Amino acid sequence: MKFIKYIVLSGLVGIALWSCTDDSLGPVLQKNGGLEITSPATGASWILNDSTDAVFTWNGADYGFAAGTTYTLQMDVAGSNFASPGVLGNVNALTVIVSQDEINNILLAKELEGNVPANIDFRVIASVSPDIANDTSPVRTISITPYPSNVLIPQLQVPGSYQGWSPADSTTAVYSPTSNSQYEGYVYFNIDNAFYKYTVGPSWDTNYGDNGGDGSLDQGGSDIAAGAAGVYKLNANLNQLTHTQLRTDWGLIGSATPGGWDADQNLTYDPVTKKFSITLDLVAGEIKFRANDDWAFNFGDDGNNKTLEYNGANIAVAEAGNYTIDLQIVGVPKYRYAITKN
């Protein structure tokens, strides 16, 4: 009997020790759902105006314990699977209030027509730690009618030694068409070894450089150095405080060109017109634009609307003839091209 008692007692002690050990782990992360947009309602219909704010609310994510959660509210055209979402807020609350004008600018930047209703998807992403997968709410779709206006696309100025260090020069800028604090633009450096910085608006009040030359942006940091003169693809991400630069030479390639898909026909940049161009004989076929004789950065036209997209569809040339081709990417938020038969 004593032997049996010892066995029972030993088992109870083991269970107690196991229980204490389990409790010592602290709060255990559990994704219990709950993240859901509560307003606006599904099926809501908005006609935007420039004098009213839009209010978004949602239920918080439930992780099983009190967590310092950051919520990001995103929007995009319905059915696009948030391929290039506009960001309306990054908050530690369950509400975002945003001007309808900002929503309107995002929609027009996505080339939606004014006074025409469109279905727009919204979602909230909850993040609690870089080591924990984000939680995403169900998509809430509403009908929104934007109003026509001059789109004020967010931009960073790029003052530098190549243009007199003038942050007021709006022609040397990078743009964020979807208002997500990720900026891109093509800038012509007319001198070798130019230096430049990024500024928020046409003043030096908020500016970014790179103290270590390592691709990190530092507020008030050192001038950023470029290389040989030419057209540079510049990217600046104010969310991650990073930047990149790439000198680009552009060419035309495709079955309609003399070199087919095997050799580029080089375009020439004109700093007066701010366009790359070439005049040449083409046959019926297809063309694309690409940088530096490589496919890493190439443009096509998905909508056949003379607006260019990275990795877009081949551009058709209907008939043989002598053509002038223009590529407009410098100093503009939307990249365009023109094909003119001579």
Foldseek 3Di string as FASTA:
>chain_A
DVVVVVVVVVVVVVVVVVVVVVVVVPFDWDFPDQWAKDPPAFAAEEEADQPDKGKTFTGDTCGRDDFQKWKWKWKDFPPPVPPPTATQDIDSHGMGIGGSLLVLLLCVLVVDDAQDKGKMKMKMWIDRDPVDDIDIYPIGIYIYHHHDDDRDWFKWAKAWPQPPRWLQPLLRIWTDSRNQQKTKAKAFRQAFFIWIWIHRHGDLPWIWADAVQPFATDTVHDTHTDGGTAIKIKIAHPVRRGIDIDHWWKFKEDCFDPVHNQDTHTWDADPVVQKTKDKDKTAWTWMWMDTPRDLPFIWDDQPLPQWIDTVHDTHTDHGIAIWMKIWHGRSDNTTGIDIGGD
